[in-house]
């Protein structure tokens, strides 16, 4: 099994679509806004933490598991 996540940050997009600048993180109504706040890095940390927790409890996967962190998403494969 491969658990894969990307570490890049999506482009900022048009500046007029931001309430605050993309490089100025802000918290509104309990949510974090800013460039990179909704990307895959939390997913990578989550699958790493899950595998580490299972290992600490003495569990082992039935097959080999690869944890991957790639530099960007794959687009336009065809």
C-alpha atoms as a PDB file:
ATOM      1  CA  UNK A   1       0.000   0.000   0.000  1.00  0.00           C
ATOM      2  CA  UNK A   2       1.198   3.522  -0.716  1.00  0.00           C
ATOM      3  CA  UNK A   3       0.089   6.466   1.395  1.00  0.00           C
ATOM      4  CA  UNK A   4       0.928   9.494  -0.712  1.00  0.00           C
ATOM      5  CA  UNK A   5       0.665  13.229  -0.152  1.00  0.00           C
ATOM      6  CA  UNK A   6       2.059  16.287  -1.859  1.00  0.00           C
ATOM      7  CA  UNK A   7       4.095  18.998  -0.134  1.00  0.00           C
ATOM      8  CA  UNK A   8       3.685  21.813  -2.645  1.00  0.00           C
ATOM      9  CA  UNK A   9       1.415  24.801  -2.081  1.00  0.00           C
ATOM     10  CA  UNK A  10      -1.297  25.658  -4.574  1.00  0.00           C
ATOM     11  CA  UNK A  11      -0.971  29.009  -6.394  1.00  0.00           C
ATOM     12  CA  UNK A  12      -2.491  32.060  -4.712  1.00  0.00           C
ATOM     13  CA  UNK A  13      -4.927  32.794  -7.529  1.00  0.00           C
ATOM     14  CA  UNK A  14      -6.374  36.269  -8.117  1.00  0.00           C
ATOM     15  CA  UNK A  15      -5.557  38.733  -5.317  1.00  0.00           C
ATOM     16  CA  UNK A  16      -9.110  40.130  -5.344  1.00  0.00           C
ATOM     17  CA  UNK A  17     -10.436  36.762  -4.175  1.00  0.00           C
ATOM     18  CA  UNK A  18      -8.598  37.088  -0.853  1.00  0.00           C
ATOM     19  CA  UNK A  19     -10.168  38.904   2.113  1.00  0.00           C
ATOM     20  CA  UNK A  20      -6.684  39.229   3.604  1.00  0.00           C
ATOM     21  CA  UNK A  21      -3.454  38.697   1.671  1.00  0.00           C
ATOM     22  CA  UNK A  22      -2.509  35.079   0.974  1.00  0.00           C
ATOM     23  CA  UNK A  23       0.785  35.509   2.845  1.00  0.00           C
ATOM     24  CA  UNK A  24      -0.930  36.970   5.939  1.00  0.00           C
ATOM     25  CA  UNK A  25      -2.530  34.086   7.842  1.00  0.00           C
ATOM     26  CA  UNK A  26      -5.731  34.955   9.625  1.00  0.00           C
ATOM     27  CA  UNK A  27      -8.236  33.148  11.809  1.00  0.00           C
ATOM     28  CA  UNK A  28     -11.922  33.899  11.251  1.00  0.00           C
ATOM     29  CA  UNK A  29     -14.737  32.048  12.999  1.00  0.00           C
ATOM     30  CA  UNK A  30     -12.260  29.428  14.214  1.00  0.00           C
ATOM     31  CA  UNK A  31     -10.830  28.672  10.752  1.00  0.00           C
ATOM     32  CA  UNK A  32      -7.317  29.366   9.492  1.00  0.00           C
ATOM     33  CA  UNK A  33      -7.004  31.198   6.170  1.00  0.00           C
ATOM     34  CA  UNK A  34      -3.821  31.820   4.194  1.00  0.00           C
ATOM     35  CA  UNK A  35      -1.692  30.242   1.520  1.00  0.00           C
ATOM     36  CA  UNK A  36      -0.990  26.607   2.357  1.00  0.00           C
ATOM     37  CA  UNK A  37      -3.524  26.361   5.194  1.00  0.00           C
ATOM     38  CA  UNK A  38      -5.689  23.871   3.323  1.00  0.00           C
ATOM     39  CA  UNK A  39      -3.083  21.822   1.515  1.00  0.00           C
ATOM     40  CA  UNK A  40      -2.017  18.213   1.900  1.00  0.00           C
ATOM     41  CA  UNK A  41       0.650  18.692   4.581  1.00  0.00           C
ATOM     42  CA  UNK A  42      -1.821  17.832   7.340  1.00  0.00           C
ATOM     43  CA  UNK A  43      -2.682  14.624   5.491  1.00  0.00           C
ATOM     44  CA  UNK A  44       0.991  13.644   5.314  1.00  0.00           C
ATOM     45  CA  UNK A  45       1.405  14.323   9.039  1.00  0.00           C
ATOM     46  CA  UNK A  46      -1.782  12.327   9.755  1.00  0.00           C
ATOM     47  CA  UNK A  47      -0.770   9.174   7.925  1.00  0.00           C
ATOM     48  CA  UNK A  48       2.681   9.321   9.517  1.00  0.00           C
ATOM     49  CA  UNK A  49       1.163   9.752  13.009  1.00  0.00           C
ATOM     50  CA  UNK A  50      -1.340   6.933  12.383  1.00  0.00           C
ATOM     51  CA  UNK A  51       1.356   4.488  11.307  1.00  0.00           C
ATOM     52  CA  UNK A  52       3.555   5.469  14.254  1.00  0.00           C
ATOM     53  CA  UNK A  53       0.631   5.015  16.679  1.00  0.00           C
ATOM     54  CA  UNK A  54      -0.228   1.580  15.288  1.00  0.00           C
ATOM     55  CA  UNK A  55       3.424   0.549  15.548  1.00  0.00           C
ATOM     56  CA  UNK A  56       3.613   1.755  19.174  1.00  0.00           C
ATOM     57  CA  UNK A  57       0.571  -0.433  19.976  1.00  0.00           C
ATOM     58  CA  UNK A  58       2.318  -3.460  18.513  1.00  0.00           C
ATOM     59  CA  UNK A  59       0.300  -3.648  15.297  1.00  0.00           C
ATOM     60  CA  UNK A  60       1.936  -4.339  11.955  1.00  0.00           C
ATOM     61  CA  UNK A  61       0.357  -4.098   8.519  1.00  0.00           C
ATOM     62  CA  UNK A  62      -0.348  -7.333   6.658  1.00  0.00           C
ATOM     63  CA  UNK A  63       1.666  -6.021   3.692  1.00  0.00           C
ATOM     64  CA  UNK A  64       4.370  -3.466   3.019  1.00  0.00           C
ATOM     65  CA  UNK A  65       3.309   0.156   3.445  1.00  0.00           C
ATOM     66  CA  UNK A  66       5.141   3.022   1.774  1.00  0.00           C
ATOM     67  CA  UNK A  67       4.789   6.551   3.110  1.00  0.00           C
ATOM     68  CA  UNK A  68       5.423   9.034   0.314  1.00  0.00           C
ATOM     69  CA  UNK A  69       5.672  12.804   0.346  1.00  0.00           C
ATOM     70  CA  UNK A  70       6.072  14.198  -3.163  1.00  0.00           C
ATOM     71  CA  UNK A  71       6.912  17.725  -4.300  1.00  0.00           C
ATOM     72  CA  UNK A  72       3.749  18.286  -6.333  1.00  0.00           C
ATOM     73  CA  UNK A  73       0.523  16.735  -7.505  1.00  0.00           C
ATOM     74  CA  UNK A  74       0.530  14.826 -10.769  1.00  0.00           C
ATOM     75  CA  UNK A  75      -1.636  16.529 -13.374  1.00  0.00           C
ATOM     76  CA  UNK A  76      -2.644  15.733 -16.950  1.00  0.00           C
ATOM     77  CA  UNK A  77      -1.512  12.148 -17.117  1.00  0.00           C
ATOM     78  CA  UNK A  78      -3.190  11.559 -20.478  1.00  0.00           C
END
